[in-house]
Amino acid sequence: MVPMGDWAKTRLKNLSETDKVRDNSKVGSGFGKRIANWLERDMAYPDNVLHMATETGNKNHSAAFPEALPEWFISLFTQEKDWVLDPFMGSGTTVRVAQRLCRNSVGIEILPEYFERADQEIRSAPLRLLEPKETYEAPRSKRRNRIR
């Protein structure tokens, strides 16, 4: 076990009514939280769990997750212009986040209805070029003589 840390002193000082009861997810995912569980604790087991909001704006897929989840991993393990593979694309969240973070991405989805929805969302997102916007001169065409 490890000490709770300084965050507990300020975060647990003034709990709201919501923090004192189990606050179930607003999208019906079954996830919930009860911040009051951490009161009176001096020590906790360390974990490797990412703590982030369980809410997501995507209700068109049964396994939707917040964009913060793939964003964390993509930012940690890749650099701009690297490739991100999502072999189970679903609603396309990982591909959209990868593109927003200036990564190349490939998504694979076996179900046509999920692919169509994801494809529409991804195509409607603005494309981001990896270079500054500049004005280029039109290339001068070189005339070629036809040989008969």
C-alpha atoms as a PDB file:
ATOM      1  CA  MET A   1       0.000   0.000   0.000  1.00  0.00           C
ATOM      2  CA  VAL A   2       1.063   3.589  -0.594  1.00  0.00           C
ATOM      3  CA  PRO A   3       0.117   6.889   1.067  1.00  0.00           C
ATOM      4  CA  MET A   4      -3.004   8.597  -0.338  1.00  0.00           C
ATOM      5  CA  GLY A   5      -1.170  11.772  -1.336  1.00  0.00           C
ATOM      6  CA  ASP A   6      -1.924  15.470  -1.013  1.00  0.00           C
ATOM      7  CA  TRP A   7      -4.783  15.378  -3.522  1.00  0.00           C
ATOM      8  CA  ALA A   8      -7.011  13.677  -0.938  1.00  0.00           C
ATOM      9  CA  LYS A   9      -6.715  16.581   1.529  1.00  0.00           C
ATOM     10  CA  THR A  10      -8.229  19.095  -0.885  1.00  0.00           C
ATOM     11  CA  ARG A  11     -10.509  16.864  -3.001  1.00  0.00           C
ATOM     12  CA  LEU A  12     -12.169  15.131  -0.071  1.00  0.00           C
ATOM     13  CA  LYS A  13     -12.507  18.269   2.064  1.00  0.00           C
ATOM     14  CA  ASN A  14     -15.857  19.544   0.736  1.00  0.00           C
ATOM     15  CA  LEU A  15     -17.855  16.702  -0.766  1.00  0.00           C
ATOM     16  CA  SER A  16     -21.051  17.444  -2.661  1.00  0.00           C
ATOM     17  CA  GLU A  17     -24.222  15.446  -2.068  1.00  0.00           C
ATOM     18  CA  THR A  18     -23.506  13.548  -5.291  1.00  0.00           C
ATOM     19  CA  ASP A  19     -20.073  12.524  -3.974  1.00  0.00           C
ATOM     20  CA  LYS A  20     -21.650  10.977  -0.869  1.00  0.00           C
ATOM     21  CA  VAL A  21     -23.852   8.518  -2.791  1.00  0.00           C
ATOM     22  CA  ARG A  22     -23.166   6.263  -5.743  1.00  0.00           C
ATOM     23  CA  ASP A  23     -23.385   8.460  -8.849  1.00  0.00           C
ATOM     24  CA  ASN A  24     -24.387   6.182 -11.715  1.00  0.00           C
ATOM     25  CA  SER A  25     -23.339   6.915 -15.260  1.00  0.00           C
ATOM     26  CA  LYS A  26     -25.748   9.216 -17.118  1.00  0.00           C
ATOM     27  CA  VAL A  27     -25.614   7.017 -20.266  1.00  0.00           C
ATOM     28  CA  GLY A  28     -26.629   3.832 -18.482  1.00  0.00           C
ATOM     29  CA  SER A  29     -23.284   2.067 -18.872  1.00  0.00           C
ATOM     30  CA  GLY A  30     -23.425   0.643 -15.349  1.00  0.00           C
ATOM     31  CA  PHE A  31     -20.316   2.529 -14.262  1.00  0.00           C
ATOM     32  CA  GLY A  32     -20.575   4.740 -11.240  1.00  0.00           C
ATOM     33  CA  LYS A  33     -18.566   6.346  -8.478  1.00  0.00           C
ATOM     34  CA  ARG A  34     -18.824   7.160  -4.793  1.00  0.00           C
ATOM     35  CA  ILE A  35     -16.094   9.590  -3.776  1.00  0.00           C
ATOM     36  CA  ALA A  36     -16.971   9.209  -0.074  1.00  0.00           C
ATOM     37  CA  ASN A  37     -15.398   5.721  -0.209  1.00  0.00           C
ATOM     38  CA  TRP A  38     -12.019   7.467   0.054  1.00  0.00           C
ATOM     39  CA  LEU A  39     -12.757   9.302   3.332  1.00  0.00           C
ATOM     40  CA  GLU A  40     -10.688   8.294   6.367  1.00  0.00           C
ATOM     41  CA  ARG A  41      -8.142   6.403   4.261  1.00  0.00           C
ATOM     42  CA  ASP A  42      -4.454   7.019   4.825  1.00  0.00           C
ATOM     43  CA  MET A  43      -3.213   4.313   2.480  1.00  0.00           C
ATOM     44  CA  ALA A  44      -4.416   2.823  -0.800  1.00  0.00           C
ATOM     45  CA  TYR A  45      -3.350   0.079  -3.158  1.00  0.00           C
ATOM     46  CA  PRO A  46      -1.559   1.550  -6.169  1.00  0.00           C
ATOM     47  CA  ASP A  47      -3.132   0.719  -9.478  1.00  0.00           C
ATOM     48  CA  ASN A  48      -2.538   1.016 -13.145  1.00  0.00           C
ATOM     49  CA  VAL A  49      -6.059   2.200 -13.900  1.00  0.00           C
ATOM     50  CA  LEU A  50      -6.690   5.393 -15.816  1.00  0.00           C
ATOM     51  CA  HIS A  51      -9.244   7.567 -14.074  1.00  0.00           C
ATOM     52  CA  MET A  52     -11.366   9.628 -16.449  1.00  0.00           C
ATOM     53  CA  ALA A  53     -14.980  10.477 -17.083  1.00  0.00           C
ATOM     54  CA  THR A  54     -17.048   7.486 -18.109  1.00  0.00           C
ATOM     55  CA  GLU A  55     -19.402   9.659 -20.138  1.00  0.00           C
ATOM     56  CA  THR A  56     -19.280   9.675 -23.911  1.00  0.00           C
ATOM     57  CA  GLY A  57     -21.263  11.567 -26.519  1.00  0.00           C
ATOM     58  CA  ASN A  58     -21.428   8.508 -28.766  1.00  0.00           C
ATOM     59  CA  LYS A  59     -24.577   6.502 -28.167  1.00  0.00           C
ATOM     60  CA  ASN A  60     -24.544   4.710 -31.541  1.00  0.00           C
ATOM     61  CA  HIS A  61     -22.326   1.828 -30.450  1.00  0.00           C
ATOM     62  CA  SER A  62     -22.519  -0.667 -27.591  1.00  0.00           C
ATOM     63  CA  ALA A  63     -18.823  -0.333 -26.667  1.00  0.00           C
ATOM     64  CA  ALA A  64     -18.409   3.449 -26.899  1.00  0.00           C
ATOM     65  CA  PHE A  65     -15.713   5.107 -24.811  1.00  0.00           C
ATOM     66  CA  PRO A  66     -14.613   8.714 -24.229  1.00  0.00           C
ATOM     67  CA  GLU A  67     -12.081  10.236 -26.648  1.00  0.00           C
ATOM     68  CA  ALA A  68      -9.747  10.808 -23.690  1.00  0.00           C
ATOM     69  CA  LEU A  69      -8.991   7.061 -23.567  1.00  0.00           C
ATOM     70  CA  PRO A  70      -7.398   6.609 -27.018  1.00  0.00           C
ATOM     71  CA  GLU A  71      -5.983  10.155 -26.818  1.00  0.00           C
ATOM     72  CA  TRP A  72      -3.947   9.198 -23.742  1.00  0.00           C
ATOM     73  CA  PHE A  73      -2.444   6.099 -25.380  1.00  0.00           C
ATOM     74  CA  ILE A  74      -1.903   7.690 -28.796  1.00  0.00           C
ATOM     75  CA  SER A  75      -0.129  10.669 -27.223  1.00  0.00           C
ATOM     76  CA  LEU A  76       1.988   8.406 -25.021  1.00  0.00           C
ATOM     77  CA  PHE A  77       3.101   5.843 -27.600  1.00  0.00           C
ATOM     78  CA  THR A  78       3.209   7.728 -30.924  1.00  0.00           C
ATOM     79  CA  GLN A  79       4.503  10.915 -32.461  1.00  0.00           C
ATOM     80  CA  GLU A  80       2.995  13.076 -35.186  1.00  0.00           C
ATOM     81  CA  LYS A  81       2.948  11.302 -38.571  1.00  0.00           C
ATOM     82  CA  ASP A  82       3.170   7.832 -36.926  1.00  0.00           C
ATOM     83  CA  TRP A  83       0.556   5.187 -37.778  1.00  0.00           C
ATOM     84  CA  VAL A  84      -2.262   4.054 -35.492  1.00  0.00           C
ATOM     85  CA  LEU A  85      -4.108   0.778 -36.220  1.00  0.00           C
ATOM     86  CA  ASP A  86      -7.589   0.153 -34.827  1.00  0.00           C
ATOM     87  CA  PRO A  87      -8.468  -3.448 -35.756  1.00  0.00           C
ATOM     88  CA  PHE A  88     -11.965  -3.158 -34.208  1.00  0.00           C
ATOM     89  CA  MET A  89     -12.987   0.324 -35.381  1.00  0.00           C
ATOM     90  CA  GLY A  90     -16.592   0.283 -34.173  1.00  0.00           C
ATOM     91  CA  SER A  91     -17.741   3.898 -34.127  1.00  0.00           C
ATOM     92  CA  GLY A  92     -14.346   5.249 -35.233  1.00  0.00           C
ATOM     93  CA  THR A  93     -13.364   7.071 -32.040  1.00  0.00           C
ATOM     94  CA  THR A  94      -9.711   5.974 -32.148  1.00  0.00           C
ATOM     95  CA  VAL A  95      -9.331   6.887 -35.823  1.00  0.00           C
ATOM     96  CA  ARG A  96     -10.889  10.342 -35.264  1.00  0.00           C
ATOM     97  CA  VAL A  97      -8.630  11.035 -32.285  1.00  0.00           C
ATOM     98  CA  ALA A  98      -5.549   9.838 -34.181  1.00  0.00           C
ATOM     99  CA  GLN A  99      -6.346  12.190 -37.058  1.00  0.00           C
ATOM    100  CA  ARG A 100      -6.955  15.094 -34.670  1.00  0.00           C
ATOM    101  CA  LEU A 101      -3.521  14.410 -33.126  1.00  0.00           C
ATOM    102  CA  CYS A 102      -1.911  14.480 -36.607  1.00  0.00           C
ATOM    103  CA  ARG A 103      -1.330  10.721 -36.810  1.00  0.00           C
ATOM    104  CA  ASN A 104      -2.027   8.526 -39.796  1.00  0.00           C
ATOM    105  CA  SER A 105      -4.646   5.925 -38.988  1.00  0.00           C
ATOM    106  CA  VAL A 106      -6.250   2.756 -40.285  1.00  0.00           C
ATOM    107  CA  GLY A 107      -9.517   1.372 -38.934  1.00  0.00           C
ATOM    108  CA  ILE A 108     -10.898  -2.088 -39.663  1.00  0.00           C
ATOM    109  CA  GLU A 109     -14.560  -2.936 -39.026  1.00  0.00           C
ATOM    110  CA  ILE A 110     -16.357  -6.140 -40.017  1.00  0.00           C
ATOM    111  CA  LEU A 111     -19.940  -4.910 -39.496  1.00  0.00           C
ATOM    112  CA  PRO A 112     -21.135  -2.782 -42.435  1.00  0.00           C
ATOM    113  CA  GLU A 113     -23.534  -0.639 -40.360  1.00  0.00           C
ATOM    114  CA  TYR A 114     -20.782   0.400 -37.939  1.00  0.00           C
ATOM    115  CA  PHE A 115     -18.355   0.975 -40.789  1.00  0.00           C
ATOM    116  CA  GLU A 116     -20.829   3.240 -42.619  1.00  0.00           C
ATOM    117  CA  ARG A 117     -21.505   5.339 -39.502  1.00  0.00           C
ATOM    118  CA  ALA A 118     -17.818   5.668 -38.657  1.00  0.00           C
ATOM    119  CA  ASP A 119     -16.927   6.446 -42.263  1.00  0.00           C
ATOM    120  CA  GLN A 120     -19.481   9.284 -42.385  1.00  0.00           C
ATOM    121  CA  GLU A 121     -18.185  10.827 -39.150  1.00  0.00           C
ATOM    122  CA  ILE A 122     -14.542  10.501 -40.121  1.00  0.00           C
ATOM    123  CA  ARG A 123     -15.119  11.975 -43.579  1.00  0.00           C
ATOM    124  CA  SER A 124     -17.051  14.921 -42.136  1.00  0.00           C
ATOM    125  CA  ALA A 125     -14.170  15.833 -39.784  1.00  0.00           C
ATOM    126  CA  PRO A 126     -11.904  18.604 -41.089  1.00  0.00           C
ATOM    127  CA  LEU A 127      -8.661  17.381 -42.593  1.00  0.00           C
ATOM    128  CA  ARG A 128      -5.520  18.764 -41.025  1.00  0.00           C
ATOM    129  CA  LEU A 129      -2.485  19.250 -43.183  1.00  0.00           C
ATOM    130  CA  LEU A 130       0.880  18.687 -41.569  1.00  0.00           C
ATOM    131  CA  GLU A 131       2.362  21.841 -43.030  1.00  0.00           C
ATOM    132  CA  PRO A 132       1.478  25.541 -42.757  1.00  0.00           C
ATOM    133  CA  LYS A 133      -1.043  26.896 -45.243  1.00  0.00           C
ATOM    134  CA  GLU A 134       0.770  28.774 -48.003  1.00  0.00           C
ATOM    135  CA  THR A 135       0.055  30.002 -51.473  1.00  0.00           C
ATOM    136  CA  TYR A 136       1.847  28.127 -54.206  1.00  0.00           C
ATOM    137  CA  GLU A 137       2.441  29.210 -57.761  1.00  0.00           C
ATOM    138  CA  ALA A 138       0.743  27.159 -60.416  1.00  0.00           C
ATOM    139  CA  PRO A 139       3.256  24.982 -62.263  1.00  0.00           C
ATOM    140  CA  ARG A 140       4.107  26.177 -65.744  1.00  0.00           C
ATOM    141  CA  SER A 141       3.210  23.567 -68.274  1.00  0.00           C
ATOM    142  CA  LYS A 142       5.819  22.453 -70.766  1.00  0.00           C
ATOM    143  CA  ARG A 143       4.460  21.964 -74.236  1.00  0.00           C
ATOM    144  CA  ARG A 144       5.400  18.806 -75.960  1.00  0.00           C
ATOM    145  CA  ASN A 145       5.240  18.331 -79.649  1.00  0.00           C
ATOM    146  CA  ARG A 146       3.364  15.325 -80.834  1.00  0.00           C
ATOM    147  CA  ILE A 147       5.293  12.836 -82.853  1.00  0.00           C
ATOM    148  CA  ARG A 148       3.312  11.044 -85.498  1.00  0.00           C
END
